[in-house]
C-alpha atoms as a PDB file:
ATOM      1  CA  MET A   1     145.978 137.687  95.371  1.00  0.00           C
ATOM      2  CA  LEU A   2     148.733 139.733  93.042  1.00  0.00           C
ATOM      3  CA  VAL A   3     148.498 139.013  89.426  1.00  0.00           C
ATOM      4  CA  GLY A   4     152.299 136.891  89.580  1.00  0.00           C
ATOM      5  CA  GLU A   5     150.933 134.418  93.196  1.00  0.00           C
ATOM      6  CA  ARG A   6     147.671 134.033  90.395  1.00  0.00           C
ATOM      7  CA  ARG A   7     149.574 132.850  87.716  1.00  0.00           C
ATOM      8  CA  GLU A   8     151.987 130.798  90.479  1.00  0.00           C
ATOM      9  CA  LEU A   9     148.986 129.223  91.484  1.00  0.00           C
ATOM     10  CA  LEU A  10     147.903 128.767  87.905  1.00  0.00           C
ATOM     11  CA  LEU A  11     150.901 126.740  87.078  1.00  0.00           C
ATOM     12  CA  GLY A  12     151.291 124.574  90.827  1.00  0.00           C
ATOM     13  CA  ARG A  13     148.199 123.300  89.421  1.00  0.00           C
ATOM     14  CA  LEU A  14     148.680 122.155  86.240  1.00  0.00           C
ATOM     15  CA  ALA A  15     151.751 120.584  87.566  1.00  0.00           C
ATOM     16  CA  ALA A  16     149.631 119.285  90.303  1.00  0.00           C
ATOM     17  CA  ASP A  17     146.240 118.144  88.463  1.00  0.00           C
ATOM     18  CA  GLY A  18     147.534 117.747  84.766  1.00  0.00           C
ATOM     19  CA  LYS A  19     145.004 120.776  84.328  1.00  0.00           C
ATOM     20  CA  VAL A  20     144.022 123.977  84.999  1.00  0.00           C
ATOM     21  CA  LEU A  21     139.370 124.831  84.643  1.00  0.00           C
ATOM     22  CA  ALA A  22     138.709 128.612  84.182  1.00  0.00           C
ATOM     23  CA  LYS A  23     135.817 128.446  85.641  1.00  0.00           C
ATOM     24  CA  ASP A  24     136.754 126.423  88.620  1.00  0.00           C
ATOM     25  CA  VAL A  25     139.969 128.326  89.580  1.00  0.00           C
ATOM     26  CA  ALA A  26     137.969 132.149  89.481  1.00  0.00           C
ATOM     27  CA  ALA A  27     135.306 130.192  91.277  1.00  0.00           C
ATOM     28  CA  GLU A  28     138.136 129.895  94.435  1.00  0.00           C
ATOM     29  CA  LEU A  29     139.810 132.807  93.937  1.00  0.00           C
ATOM     30  CA  GLY A  30     136.752 134.744  93.727  1.00  0.00           C
ATOM     31  CA  VAL A  31     138.099 136.849  90.772  1.00  0.00           C
ATOM     32  CA  SER A  32     136.642 136.795  86.971  1.00  0.00           C
ATOM     33  CA  GLU A  33     136.601 133.788  84.832  1.00  0.00           C
ATOM     34  CA  ASP A  34     138.216 137.107  82.234  1.00  0.00           C
ATOM     35  CA  SER A  35     141.129 137.547  84.883  1.00  0.00           C
ATOM     36  CA  ILE A  36     142.015 133.723  84.706  1.00  0.00           C
ATOM     37  CA  ARG A  37     141.890 133.861  80.911  1.00  0.00           C
ATOM     38  CA  ARG A  38     143.408 136.631  80.918  1.00  0.00           C
ATOM     39  CA  ASP A  39     146.274 135.136  83.472  1.00  0.00           C
ATOM     40  CA  LEU A  40     146.281 131.671  80.924  1.00  0.00           C
ATOM     41  CA  ARG A  41     147.128 133.299  78.096  1.00  0.00           C
ATOM     42  CA  ASP A  42     150.409 135.211  79.261  1.00  0.00           C
ATOM     43  CA  LEU A  43     151.355 132.848  80.575  1.00  0.00           C
ATOM     44  CA  ALA A  44     150.580 131.327  76.909  1.00  0.00           C
ATOM     45  CA  ALA A  45     152.233 133.229  75.016  1.00  0.00           C
ATOM     46  CA  ALA A  46     155.207 133.076  77.739  1.00  0.00           C
ATOM     47  CA  GLY A  47     155.526 129.913  76.538  1.00  0.00           C
ATOM     48  CA  LEU A  48     153.959 128.029  79.663  1.00  0.00           C
ATOM     49  CA  CYS A  49     150.871 126.426  78.929  1.00  0.00           C
ATOM     50  CA  GLN A  50     148.002 125.020  76.195  1.00  0.00           C
ATOM     51  CA  ARG A  51     144.893 126.974  76.405  1.00  0.00           C
ATOM     52  CA  VAL A  52     141.844 125.321  75.489  1.00  0.00           C
ATOM     53  CA  TYR A  53     138.567 125.774  75.600  1.00  0.00           C
ATOM     54  CA  GLY A  54     137.723 126.850  78.889  1.00  0.00           C
ATOM     55  CA  GLY A  55     140.974 126.362  80.386  1.00  0.00           C
ATOM     56  CA  ALA A  56     144.593 124.986  80.196  1.00  0.00           C
ATOM     57  CA  LEU A  57     146.889 122.524  80.135  1.00  0.00           C
ATOM     58  CA  PRO A  58     150.827 121.698  80.540  1.00  0.00           C
ATOM     59  CA  VAL A  59     152.660 121.921  77.406  1.00  0.00           C
ATOM     60  CA  SER A  60     155.025 119.583  76.029  1.00  0.00           C
ATOM     61  CA  PRO A  61     158.744 120.226  76.149  1.00  0.00           C
ATOM     62  CA  ALA A  62     158.852 118.138  72.562  1.00  0.00           C
ATOM     63  CA  VAL A  63     157.465 122.090  70.807  1.00  0.00           C
ATOM     64  CA  ALA A  64     161.668 123.097  71.766  1.00  0.00           C
ATOM     65  CA  ASP A  65     163.968 122.960  68.136  1.00  0.00           C
ATOM     66  CA  TYR A  66     165.488 119.855  67.638  1.00  0.00           C
ATOM     67  CA  ALA A  67     168.546 120.782  68.772  1.00  0.00           C
ATOM     68  CA  THR A  68     167.599 120.636  72.365  1.00  0.00           C
ATOM     69  CA  ARG A  69     165.029 117.955  72.260  1.00  0.00           C
ATOM     70  CA  THR A  70     167.908 115.442  70.964  1.00  0.00           C
ATOM     71  CA  ALA A  71     169.089 115.610  75.331  1.00  0.00           C
ATOM     72  CA  ILE A  72     165.532 116.028  76.048  1.00  0.00           C
ATOM     73  CA  ALA A  73     164.473 112.511  77.716  1.00  0.00           C
ATOM     74  CA  VAL A  74     166.986 110.489  76.345  1.00  0.00           C
ATOM     75  CA  ASP A  75     167.523 106.886  78.201  1.00  0.00           C
ATOM     76  CA  GLY A  76     162.781 106.890  78.065  1.00  0.00           C
ATOM     77  CA  LYS A  77     163.323 107.668  73.737  1.00  0.00           C
ATOM     78  CA  ASP A  78     165.522 105.137  73.615  1.00  0.00           C
ATOM     79  CA  ARG A  79     163.106 102.338  75.621  1.00  0.00           C
ATOM     80  CA  VAL A  80     160.431 103.928  73.870  1.00  0.00           C
ATOM     81  CA  ALA A  81     162.726 103.242  70.514  1.00  0.00           C
ATOM     82  CA  ALA A  82     163.502  99.418  70.921  1.00  0.00           C
ATOM     83  CA  ALA A  83     159.901  98.509  71.441  1.00  0.00           C
ATOM     84  CA  ALA A  84     158.527  99.899  68.457  1.00  0.00           C
ATOM     85  CA  ALA A  85     162.170  98.059  66.801  1.00  0.00           C
ATOM     86  CA  ASP A  86     160.235  94.996  67.866  1.00  0.00           C
ATOM     87  CA  LEU A  87     157.605  96.050  65.483  1.00  0.00           C
ATOM     88  CA  VAL A  88     159.283  95.780  62.396  1.00  0.00           C
ATOM     89  CA  ARG A  89     159.318  92.375  61.026  1.00  0.00           C
ATOM     90  CA  PRO A  90     161.198  90.557  58.369  1.00  0.00           C
ATOM     91  CA  GLY A  91     160.434  92.054  54.881  1.00  0.00           C
ATOM     92  CA  SER A  92     158.107  94.448  55.602  1.00  0.00           C
ATOM     93  CA  THR A  93     157.509  98.565  55.272  1.00  0.00           C
ATOM     94  CA  VAL A  94     157.530 100.939  57.622  1.00  0.00           C
ATOM     95  CA  ILE A  95     157.316 104.747  57.526  1.00  0.00           C
ATOM     96  CA  LEU A  96     159.372 105.968  59.771  1.00  0.00           C
ATOM     97  CA  ASP A  97     158.090 110.109  61.202  1.00  0.00           C
ATOM     98  CA  GLY A  98     160.439 112.288  62.076  1.00  0.00           C
ATOM     99  CA  GLY A  99     161.865 113.537  65.486  1.00  0.00           C
ATOM    100  CA  THR A 100     164.766 112.321  68.159  1.00  0.00           C
ATOM    101  CA  THR A 101     162.352 109.394  68.968  1.00  0.00           C
ATOM    102  CA  THR A 102     162.047 108.103  65.843  1.00  0.00           C
ATOM    103  CA  LEU A 103     165.749 108.766  64.991  1.00  0.00           C
ATOM    104  CA  ALA A 104     166.207 106.851  67.928  1.00  0.00           C
ATOM    105  CA  VAL A 105     163.870 103.769  66.271  1.00  0.00           C
ATOM    106  CA  ALA A 106     166.496 104.051  62.988  1.00  0.00           C
ATOM    107  CA  LYS A 107     169.869 103.222  65.129  1.00  0.00           C
ATOM    108  CA  ALA A 108     168.152 100.599  67.154  1.00  0.00           C
ATOM    109  CA  LEU A 109     166.713  98.555  64.636  1.00  0.00           C
ATOM    110  CA  PRO A 110     169.245  95.292  63.589  1.00  0.00           C
ATOM    111  CA  HIS A 111     171.692  95.905  61.095  1.00  0.00           C
ATOM    112  CA  ASP A 112     171.127  92.793  59.037  1.00  0.00           C
ATOM    113  CA  LEU A 113     167.120  93.577  59.220  1.00  0.00           C
ATOM    114  CA  ASP A 114     165.424  92.932  55.189  1.00  0.00           C
ATOM    115  CA  ALA A 115     163.173  95.646  55.384  1.00  0.00           C
ATOM    116  CA  THR A 116     161.272  99.087  53.751  1.00  0.00           C
ATOM    117  CA  VAL A 117     161.457 101.923  55.404  1.00  0.00           C
ATOM    118  CA  VAL A 118     159.813 105.384  54.463  1.00  0.00           C
ATOM    119  CA  THR A 119     160.077 108.674  56.045  1.00  0.00           C
ATOM    120  CA  HIS A 120     160.207 112.074  55.335  1.00  0.00           C
ATOM    121  CA  SER A 121     163.603 112.439  57.661  1.00  0.00           C
ATOM    122  CA  PRO A 122     166.817 112.889  56.004  1.00  0.00           C
ATOM    123  CA  THR A 123     168.137 112.756  59.398  1.00  0.00           C
ATOM    124  CA  VAL A 124     165.843 109.303  59.674  1.00  0.00           C
ATOM    125  CA  ALA A 125     167.601 108.432  55.623  1.00  0.00           C
ATOM    126  CA  VAL A 126     170.659 109.125  56.871  1.00  0.00           C
ATOM    127  CA  ALA A 127     170.696 107.242  60.485  1.00  0.00           C
ATOM    128  CA  LEU A 128     169.825 104.106  58.131  1.00  0.00           C
ATOM    129  CA  LEU A 129     173.277 104.061  55.879  1.00  0.00           C
ATOM    130  CA  GLU A 130     174.611 101.585  57.517  1.00  0.00           C
ATOM    131  CA  HIS A 131     171.534  99.199  57.907  1.00  0.00           C
ATOM    132  CA  ARG A 132     172.297  97.213  54.228  1.00  0.00           C
ATOM    133  CA  GLY A 133     169.678  95.490  54.461  1.00  0.00           C
ATOM    134  CA  ILE A 134     167.398  98.208  54.718  1.00  0.00           C
ATOM    135  CA  GLU A 135     166.169  99.834  51.480  1.00  0.00           C
ATOM    136  CA  VAL A 136     165.284 103.845  52.308  1.00  0.00           C
ATOM    137  CA  PHE A 137     162.793 106.184  50.691  1.00  0.00           C
ATOM    138  CA  LEU A 138     163.232 109.740  51.749  1.00  0.00           C
ATOM    139  CA  LEU A 139     159.869 111.706  50.238  1.00  0.00           C
ATOM    140  CA  GLY A 140     161.334 114.941  49.689  1.00  0.00           C
ATOM    141  CA  GLY A 141     159.044 118.374  49.801  1.00  0.00           C
ATOM    142  CA  ARG A 142     159.167 121.639  51.619  1.00  0.00           C
ATOM    143  CA  LEU A 143     162.039 121.385  54.995  1.00  0.00           C
ATOM    144  CA  PHE A 144     160.146 121.921  58.081  1.00  0.00           C
ATOM    145  CA  ARG A 145     163.705 122.681  60.452  1.00  0.00           C
ATOM    146  CA  HIS A 146     161.953 122.735  63.414  1.00  0.00           C
ATOM    147  CA  SER A 147     161.301 119.008  63.327  1.00  0.00           C
ATOM    148  CA  ALA A 148     163.996 118.129  60.781  1.00  0.00           C
ATOM    149  CA  VAL A 149     161.200 116.295  58.072  1.00  0.00           C
ATOM    150  CA  THR A 150     159.983 117.706  54.982  1.00  0.00           C
ATOM    151  CA  CYS A 151     156.090 118.406  55.026  1.00  0.00           C
ATOM    152  CA  GLY A 152     153.829 120.406  52.174  1.00  0.00           C
ATOM    153  CA  ALA A 153     151.729 119.600  48.550  1.00  0.00           C
ATOM    154  CA  ALA A 154     155.075 117.408  47.396  1.00  0.00           C
ATOM    155  CA  ALA A 155     155.652 115.063  50.295  1.00  0.00           C
ATOM    156  CA  ALA A 156     151.765 114.826  50.796  1.00  0.00           C
ATOM    157  CA  GLU A 157     151.894 113.927  46.844  1.00  0.00           C
ATOM    158  CA  ALA A 158     155.041 111.721  47.044  1.00  0.00           C
ATOM    159  CA  ALA A 159     153.129 109.928  50.163  1.00  0.00           C
ATOM    160  CA  GLN A 160     150.011 108.963  48.505  1.00  0.00           C
ATOM    161  CA  ALA A 161     152.306 106.446  46.839  1.00  0.00           C
ATOM    162  CA  ILE A 162     152.948 104.080  49.664  1.00  0.00           C
ATOM    163  CA  SER A 163     151.954 101.592  50.969  1.00  0.00           C
ATOM    164  CA  ALA A 164     153.115 100.482  54.314  1.00  0.00           C
ATOM    165  CA  ASP A 165     152.701  97.299  57.445  1.00  0.00           C
ATOM    166  CA  VAL A 166     153.433  99.936  60.234  1.00  0.00           C
ATOM    167  CA  PHE A 167     153.905 104.095  60.238  1.00  0.00           C
ATOM    168  CA  LEU A 168     155.536 104.566  63.920  1.00  0.00           C
ATOM    169  CA  LEU A 169     154.285 108.230  64.506  1.00  0.00           C
ATOM    170  CA  GLY A 170     156.171 111.002  66.426  1.00  0.00           C
ATOM    171  CA  VAL A 171     154.548 113.553  68.566  1.00  0.00           C
ATOM    172  CA  THR A 172     154.741 116.384  70.814  1.00  0.00           C
ATOM    173  CA  GLY A 173     151.748 116.179  73.312  1.00  0.00           C
ATOM    174  CA  VAL A 174     150.211 112.500  74.256  1.00  0.00           C
ATOM    175  CA  HIS A 175     146.361 113.025  76.487  1.00  0.00           C
ATOM    176  CA  PRO A 176     143.287 111.878  77.557  1.00  0.00           C
ATOM    177  CA  GLU A 177     141.328 114.956  76.762  1.00  0.00           C
ATOM    178  CA  ALA A 178     143.492 117.167  73.730  1.00  0.00           C
ATOM    179  CA  GLY A 179     144.038 113.559  71.739  1.00  0.00           C
ATOM    180  CA  LEU A 180     147.427 113.497  70.448  1.00  0.00           C
ATOM    181  CA  THR A 181     148.666 116.729  69.374  1.00  0.00           C
ATOM    182  CA  THR A 182     151.967 118.558  67.834  1.00  0.00           C
ATOM    183  CA  GLY A 183     153.081 122.017  67.387  1.00  0.00           C
ATOM    184  CA  ASP A 184     152.511 122.629  63.422  1.00  0.00           C
ATOM    185  CA  ALA A 185     150.043 122.786  61.234  1.00  0.00           C
ATOM    186  CA  ASP A 186     151.348 121.656  58.222  1.00  0.00           C
ATOM    187  CA  GLU A 187     153.655 119.293  60.079  1.00  0.00           C
ATOM    188  CA  ALA A 188     149.932 117.431  61.323  1.00  0.00           C
ATOM    189  CA  ALA A 189     148.753 116.829  58.196  1.00  0.00           C
ATOM    190  CA  MET A 190     151.225 114.993  57.300  1.00  0.00           C
ATOM    191  CA  LYS A 191     151.199 113.009  59.993  1.00  0.00           C
ATOM    192  CA  ARG A 192     147.907 112.433  59.150  1.00  0.00           C
ATOM    193  CA  THR A 193     148.990 111.838  55.292  1.00  0.00           C
ATOM    194  CA  LEU A 194     150.800 109.125  56.432  1.00  0.00           C
ATOM    195  CA  ALA A 195     149.092 107.550  58.781  1.00  0.00           C
ATOM    196  CA  ARG A 196     146.401 106.806  55.570  1.00  0.00           C
ATOM    197  CA  ARG A 197     149.232 104.987  54.261  1.00  0.00           C
ATOM    198  CA  ALA A 198     149.762 102.562  57.351  1.00  0.00           C
ATOM    199  CA  ALA A 199     148.342  99.088  57.957  1.00  0.00           C
ATOM    200  CA  ASP A 200     148.631 100.196  61.490  1.00  0.00           C
ATOM    201  CA  THR A 201     150.118 102.982  63.607  1.00  0.00           C
ATOM    202  CA  TYR A 202     151.590 103.226  67.113  1.00  0.00           C
ATOM    203  CA  VAL A 203     152.490 106.390  69.277  1.00  0.00           C
ATOM    204  CA  LEU A 204     156.403 106.968  70.462  1.00  0.00           C
ATOM    205  CA  ALA A 205     155.279 108.650  74.198  1.00  0.00           C
ATOM    206  CA  SER A 206     158.189 108.958  75.834  1.00  0.00           C
ATOM    207  CA  ALA A 207     157.275 109.912  79.373  1.00  0.00           C
ATOM    208  CA  GLU A 208     157.603 114.160  79.769  1.00  0.00           C
ATOM    209  CA  LYS A 209     154.691 113.644  76.622  1.00  0.00           C
ATOM    210  CA  LEU A 210     152.178 112.436  78.575  1.00  0.00           C
ATOM    211  CA  GLY A 211     149.619 114.550  80.004  1.00  0.00           C
ATOM    212  CA  ALA A 212     150.980 117.306  77.906  1.00  0.00           C
ATOM    213  CA  ALA A 213     149.358 119.733  74.922  1.00  0.00           C
ATOM    214  CA  SER A 214     150.044 121.067  71.976  1.00  0.00           C
ATOM    215  CA  ARG A 215     148.051 123.096  69.319  1.00  0.00           C
ATOM    216  CA  PHE A 216     147.308 120.977  66.483  1.00  0.00           C
ATOM    217  CA  ALA A 217     145.321 117.725  67.009  1.00  0.00           C
ATOM    218  CA  VAL A 218     147.108 114.344  64.722  1.00  0.00           C
ATOM    219  CA  LEU A 219     144.376 111.822  65.269  1.00  0.00           C
ATOM    220  CA  PRO A 220     142.148 109.878  67.256  1.00  0.00           C
ATOM    221  CA  PHE A 221     142.767 107.645  69.560  1.00  0.00           C
ATOM    222  CA  ALA A 222     140.594 105.180  68.168  1.00  0.00           C
ATOM    223  CA  ASP A 223     142.876 105.290  64.719  1.00  0.00           C
ATOM    224  CA  VAL A 224     145.741 104.314  65.912  1.00  0.00           C
ATOM    225  CA  ALA A 225     146.806 100.195  67.205  1.00  0.00           C
ATOM    226  CA  GLY A 226     148.833 101.324  70.183  1.00  0.00           C
ATOM    227  CA  VAL A 227     150.598 104.200  72.515  1.00  0.00           C
ATOM    228  CA  ILE A 228     154.252 102.496  73.188  1.00  0.00           C
ATOM    229  CA  THR A 229     155.749 104.101  76.253  1.00  0.00           C
ATOM    230  CA  ASP A 230     157.698 104.017  78.987  1.00  0.00           C
ATOM    231  CA  ALA A 231     155.011 105.563  81.746  1.00  0.00           C
ATOM    232  CA  GLU A 232     154.555 103.195  84.786  1.00  0.00           C
ATOM    233  CA  ASP A 233     151.390 102.070  84.017  1.00  0.00           C
ATOM    234  CA  SER A 234     150.766 101.369  87.815  1.00  0.00           C
ATOM    235  CA  THR A 235     151.758 105.384  88.678  1.00  0.00           C
ATOM    236  CA  ASP A 236     150.393 107.317  85.780  1.00  0.00           C
ATOM    237  CA  SER A 237     147.734 108.926  85.536  1.00  0.00           C
ATOM    238  CA  THR A 238     147.712 109.115  82.043  1.00  0.00           C
ATOM    239  CA  VAL A 239     148.411 106.125  81.370  1.00  0.00           C
ATOM    240  CA  GLN A 240     146.027 104.876  83.070  1.00  0.00           C
ATOM    241  CA  GLU A 241     142.921 107.926  81.992  1.00  0.00           C
ATOM    242  CA  LEU A 242     144.017 105.683  78.372  1.00  0.00           C
ATOM    243  CA  ALA A 243     144.061 102.008  79.647  1.00  0.00           C
ATOM    244  CA  ALA A 244     140.438 103.260  80.967  1.00  0.00           C
ATOM    245  CA  GLN A 245     139.044 104.650  77.404  1.00  0.00           C
ATOM    246  CA  GLY A 246     139.964 101.668  76.088  1.00  0.00           C
ATOM    247  CA  VAL A 247     143.899 102.408  74.118  1.00  0.00           C
ATOM    248  CA  ARG A 248     146.090 100.227  73.996  1.00  0.00           C
ATOM    249  CA  ILE A 249     149.044 100.722  75.482  1.00  0.00           C
ATOM    250  CA  LEU A 250     152.146  99.126  74.812  1.00  0.00           C
ATOM    251  CA  ARG A 251     155.482  99.464  77.932  1.00  0.00           C
ATOM    252  CA  ALA A 252     158.687  99.825  76.671  1.00  0.00           C
END
């Protein structure tokens, strides 16, 4: 089998099975594991997979730039956002993460809601300008342009003054084995900091993020109160695996 054919096979396995194990594919094709690992390394460099120990996982489409992500799975994000907005109770304090799904949550909140929103996303803060009953606290810091959020020491220090009821967390990947992931180390650290400031953390996971993985771990599933998703429980294997692990699934 030619190298190009082998790599097409690997991509096909990723799409069909949700993962590739280098050892198994090498044995099946009669080639060395080193050859398969090189293939996966080159595919990862091209942004076509996410390498993990022993193989690879599908790469998340949510690692694209912010402008591109605004056009991805819009209907699914809106359904997730509507379900997440229902978790925000009058008089409560909620932390809204950055990203296109949390932006949809901000827009889905009732205009007459009396609540406090803390966010490190300027775009989320601006989206709440017309919500007269919502008091908005914007955390300052270094602007991470990819996700339009603030990160770094200043933002993390500001977060220490917060005590919230709920944190609505955005991630780029939700995988039963890789866990909750995102594409930047500093952003992952900021998400963990915000999660520690809330009583409950809920993950916003539209269907395209399920079964995918990015480079940096955010939180284990044990640290979240639930995963909000628009994926079908009966047909999505990732939802089924998460439920089998005891993860609470909230259908959008």
